[in-house]
Amino acid sequence: MTAVIEYLLANPLFLIPILLLVAMMVWAILKKLLKMAAVVVIAGVLYVLLVEYFGTGL
């Protein structure tokens, strides 16, 4: 494993595309997590509004 890392550090021409791929993967994961968090927040707000509307309280 260290040989591969040393090879990539010695040849930045190969390192740049790999870093770009990693950055794109991290960005895609973050986007999915943000969307999931938004859905959870919206569902939570709707649940609280529904409970308040029917008067059962929290």
Protein backbone atom coordinates (compact mmCIF):
# COMPACT_ATOMS: atom_id res chain seq x y z
CA MET A 1 0.00 0.00 0.00
CA THR A 2 2.80 2.42 0.81
CA ALA A 3 4.40 1.68 -2.54
CA VAL A 4 1.24 2.80 -4.31
CA ILE A 5 1.08 6.00 -2.27
CA GLU A 6 4.74 6.72 -2.91
CA TYR A 7 4.23 6.11 -6.64
CA LEU A 8 1.26 8.50 -6.72
CA LEU A 9 3.12 11.17 -4.79
CA ALA A 10 6.07 10.84 -7.14
CA ASN A 11 3.78 11.19 -10.19
CA PRO A 12 1.26 13.97 -9.58
CA LEU A 13 -0.14 13.44 -13.06
CA PHE A 14 -1.85 10.28 -11.75
CA LEU A 15 -2.72 11.82 -8.39
CA ILE A 16 -4.85 14.69 -9.76
CA PRO A 17 -7.56 12.53 -11.43
CA ILE A 18 -7.77 10.29 -8.37
CA LEU A 19 -8.20 13.30 -6.09
CA LEU A 20 -10.88 14.69 -8.40
CA LEU A 21 -12.76 11.39 -8.27
CA VAL A 22 -12.53 11.31 -4.48
CA ALA A 23 -13.76 14.90 -4.25
CA MET A 24 -16.73 14.11 -6.49
CA MET A 25 -17.62 11.06 -4.40
CA VAL A 26 -17.43 13.05 -1.15
CA TRP A 27 -19.58 15.81 -2.66
CA ALA A 28 -22.19 13.26 -3.82
CA ILE A 29 -22.34 11.69 -0.35
CA LEU A 30 -22.70 15.11 1.29
CA LYS A 31 -25.50 16.05 -1.10
CA LYS A 32 -27.39 12.84 -0.27
CA LEU A 33 -26.94 13.42 3.46
CA LEU A 34 -28.18 17.01 3.16
CA LYS A 35 -31.24 15.89 1.20
CA MET A 36 -31.96 13.21 3.79
CA ALA A 37 -31.62 15.74 6.61
CA ALA A 38 -33.99 18.12 4.81
CA VAL A 39 -36.60 15.37 4.43
CA VAL A 40 -36.29 14.44 8.11
CA VAL A 41 -36.69 18.09 9.17
CA ILE A 42 -39.74 18.57 6.94
CA ALA A 43 -41.30 15.35 8.23
CA GLY A 44 -40.64 16.42 11.82
CA VAL A 45 -42.20 19.84 11.28
CA LEU A 46 -45.24 18.29 9.61
CA TYR A 47 -45.61 15.83 12.48
CA VAL A 48 -45.49 18.60 15.08
CA LEU A 49 -48.01 20.67 13.11
CA LEU A 50 -50.32 17.66 12.79
CA VAL A 51 -50.12 16.89 16.50
CA GLU A 52 -50.78 20.54 17.37
CA TYR A 53 -53.69 20.74 14.92
CA PHE A 54 -55.47 17.73 16.42
CA GLY A 55 -54.75 19.02 19.93
CA THR A 56 -53.13 15.92 21.42
CA GLY A 57 -50.08 17.93 22.46
CA LEU A 58 -46.48 16.83 22.51
